[in-house]
């Protein structure tokens, strides 16, 4: 599993809190490889690269924009499963899908 982290999500809060969130995830037994986005559109590239590198699951860590870009990257790659850690401001996609917004609960869903 590979995590795509958008540090600009939630008005930049995810970038500021990422080191602490990474520790929390590790404490929950979730220590995947990860990439940090650098610009708009970068999550799509990173998702396609993760699949090409052999990751079967690519998890979007950010908001709806990050999720959309990761889906586009998986579509371009033609394969790969999607995980969602809703860490943005609105998280409308996660809400619509009935996914938990709490980090621990969302992590349990991603881990299956």
Foldseek 3Di string as FASTA:
>chain_A
DEEEEECPFANNVCVVCVVVVCVVCVVLVHNHHYDYDDDQLRLLVVLLVCVVVPAQEYEYAHAPSSQVSNVNNCVVNVHHHYAYQHDHDPRVVCVVVVQDNDRSRSSVVRVD
